[in-house]
Amino acid sequence: MIDMLLDTGPFVAFLDRSERNHERCLEFMKEFKGRLFTTEAVLTEVMYLLGPAFANQKPALDFIMLGGAELIPLSPQLLKRSAALMAKYADSPMDFADATLVALAEERGISGIVTLDRKDFSVYRIATRKNFTIHPETV
C-alpha cells in the first residue's frame, strides 16, 4: 500500500467543483490506492479556502472523518522541525502548512505528495536529501 501526503491545493480542488483542477484531482483520488496523510495546518487552510459558510467546509471535515485521509496532529517534535524547516527555506519562503508536510514526510518516511504546488515541492527536500514524488502528474 502506498502512503502519500495530501496538500491543500488538491484537497480543495477535489471538493470544490468550481476549481480549475477539480476533474484532475477527482480522477486522481478515484484511482489512488493507498493511504493519505495530512496535517491540521493543511486542514485549516482548506477550511479557509472553501469559504466561511459551514456548508462549504463540511465536506472537508467529512472527508477526514470518513477516513479519506488521516489527520496527523502536530507533536512538539513536528512543530520544532516545522519551525526549523521554515527557517531553512526562509528565502522561498516556506509556509507553515508546507513545513508541517515536509516534517511529517521525514517522520513517516513518506516521499510521495499529492500537491498542485510543484514549484515549491520540487525545491523542498526530505532530511535524507530525497526529492518528493509529486502527484497528480502534469497534463
Protein backbone atom coordinates (compact mmCIF):
# COMPACT_ATOMS: atom_id res chain seq x y z
CA MET A 1 0.00 0.00 0.00
CA ILE A 2 1.31 3.43 -0.97
CA ASP A 3 1.43 6.22 1.61
CA MET A 4 1.25 9.83 0.41
CA LEU A 5 0.81 13.26 1.87
CA LEU A 6 -2.15 15.45 0.92
CA ASP A 7 -1.55 19.16 0.41
CA THR A 8 -4.09 21.99 0.43
CA GLY A 9 -4.49 22.61 -3.31
CA PRO A 10 -5.69 19.19 -4.42
CA PHE A 11 -7.77 18.79 -1.25
CA VAL A 12 -9.68 21.97 -2.13
CA ALA A 13 -9.85 21.14 -5.85
CA PHE A 14 -11.17 17.66 -5.09
CA LEU A 15 -14.06 19.12 -3.06
CA ASP A 16 -14.81 22.31 -5.00
CA ARG A 17 -16.29 21.72 -8.46
CA SER A 18 -15.54 25.33 -9.44
CA GLU A 19 -11.78 24.80 -9.06
CA ARG A 20 -9.95 24.53 -12.40
CA ASN A 21 -8.13 21.38 -11.24
CA HIS A 22 -11.27 19.69 -9.90
CA GLU A 23 -11.56 16.98 -12.58
CA ARG A 24 -7.84 16.20 -12.48
CA CYS A 25 -7.84 15.84 -8.69
CA LEU A 26 -11.12 13.92 -8.68
CA GLU A 27 -9.69 11.41 -11.16
CA PHE A 28 -6.51 11.02 -9.13
CA MET A 29 -8.47 10.37 -5.94
CA LYS A 30 -10.69 7.81 -7.67
CA GLU A 31 -7.67 5.89 -8.96
CA PHE A 32 -5.40 6.21 -5.91
CA LYS A 33 -4.93 3.01 -3.96
CA GLY A 34 -3.18 3.80 -0.73
CA ARG A 35 -3.29 5.92 2.40
CA LEU A 36 -3.28 9.71 2.54
CA PHE A 37 -1.92 11.70 5.46
CA THR A 38 -2.30 15.40 6.13
CA THR A 39 -1.85 17.88 8.97
CA GLU A 40 -4.04 20.21 10.96
CA ALA A 41 -2.35 23.17 9.26
CA VAL A 42 -3.42 21.85 5.84
CA LEU A 43 -6.98 21.24 7.05
CA THR A 44 -7.11 24.79 8.41
CA GLU A 45 -6.05 26.20 5.02
CA VAL A 46 -8.59 24.01 3.24
CA MET A 47 -11.41 25.18 5.51
CA TYR A 48 -10.43 28.81 4.96
CA LEU A 49 -10.26 28.43 1.18
CA LEU A 50 -13.60 26.65 0.97
CA GLY A 51 -15.20 29.77 2.44
CA PRO A 52 -16.78 30.92 5.67
CA ALA A 53 -20.05 29.01 5.31
CA PHE A 54 -20.06 25.73 7.22
CA ALA A 55 -21.93 24.10 4.34
CA ASN A 56 -18.85 24.69 2.17
CA GLN A 57 -16.42 23.49 4.85
CA LYS A 58 -18.31 20.38 5.97
CA PRO A 59 -17.17 18.17 3.05
CA ALA A 60 -13.55 18.64 4.16
CA LEU A 61 -14.38 17.51 7.68
CA ASP A 62 -16.45 14.62 6.36
CA PHE A 63 -13.57 13.53 4.12
CA ILE A 64 -11.27 13.31 7.15
CA MET A 65 -13.87 11.77 9.47
CA LEU A 66 -14.77 9.11 6.88
CA GLY A 67 -11.12 8.10 6.52
CA GLY A 68 -10.26 9.80 3.23
CA ALA A 69 -7.03 10.99 4.84
CA GLU A 70 -5.52 10.51 8.25
CA LEU A 71 -5.16 13.78 10.12
CA ILE A 72 -1.85 13.82 12.00
CA PRO A 73 -1.73 16.16 15.00
CA LEU A 74 1.40 18.24 15.48
CA SER A 75 3.58 16.87 18.22
CA PRO A 76 6.18 19.14 19.83
CA GLN A 77 8.82 17.37 17.69
CA LEU A 78 6.91 18.01 14.45
CA LEU A 79 6.34 21.63 15.46
CA LYS A 80 10.04 22.11 16.23
CA ARG A 81 11.06 20.54 12.91
CA SER A 82 8.48 22.66 11.05
CA ALA A 83 10.00 25.82 12.54
CA ALA A 84 13.50 24.67 11.56
CA LEU A 85 12.33 24.00 8.00
CA MET A 86 10.69 27.43 7.74
CA ALA A 87 13.99 28.99 8.82
CA LYS A 88 15.93 26.84 6.33
CA TYR A 89 13.65 27.83 3.43
CA ALA A 90 13.14 31.44 4.55
CA ASP A 91 14.25 32.72 1.14
CA SER A 92 11.43 30.83 -0.61
CA PRO A 93 9.53 31.40 1.83
CA MET A 94 8.05 28.13 3.10
CA ASP A 95 4.59 28.46 4.65
CA PHE A 96 3.59 26.67 7.84
CA ALA A 97 1.34 24.07 6.18
CA ASP A 98 4.12 23.08 3.75
CA ALA A 99 6.60 22.88 6.63
CA THR A 100 4.31 20.52 8.55
CA LEU A 101 4.03 18.25 5.50
CA VAL A 102 7.80 18.11 4.99
CA ALA A 103 8.32 17.41 8.70
CA LEU A 104 5.68 14.68 8.55
CA ALA A 105 7.34 13.21 5.44
CA GLU A 106 10.59 12.96 7.36
CA GLU A 107 8.96 11.44 10.44
CA ARG A 108 6.96 8.84 8.49
CA GLY A 109 9.42 8.18 5.68
CA ILE A 110 6.93 9.30 3.02
CA SER A 111 8.23 10.83 -0.20
CA GLY A 112 5.02 10.95 -2.26
CA ILE A 113 2.83 14.03 -2.12
CA VAL A 114 -0.46 14.99 -3.72
CA THR A 115 0.01 18.69 -4.45
CA LEU A 116 -0.60 21.30 -7.11
CA ASP A 117 2.38 23.26 -5.74
CA ARG A 118 5.03 21.71 -7.98
CA LYS A 119 7.25 24.78 -7.76
CA ASP A 120 7.80 24.59 -4.01
CA PHE A 121 7.72 20.83 -3.53
CA SER A 122 10.29 20.45 -6.31
CA VAL A 123 12.64 22.55 -4.17
CA TYR A 124 11.90 21.06 -0.73
CA ARG A 125 13.97 18.08 0.32
CA ILE A 126 13.31 15.46 2.94
CA ALA A 127 16.07 15.23 5.59
CA THR A 128 17.70 12.42 3.61
CA ARG A 129 18.07 14.94 0.75
CA LYS A 130 15.47 12.95 -1.16
CA ASN A 131 13.15 14.70 -3.62
CA PHE A 132 9.39 14.45 -3.33
CA THR A 133 7.47 12.39 -5.87
CA ILE A 134 4.69 14.76 -6.91
CA HIS A 135 1.17 13.70 -7.91
CA PRO A 136 -1.04 14.17 -9.82
CA GLU A 137 1.13 14.08 -12.90
CA THR A 138 1.10 17.17 -15.07
CA VAL A 139 -1.11 17.07 -18.12
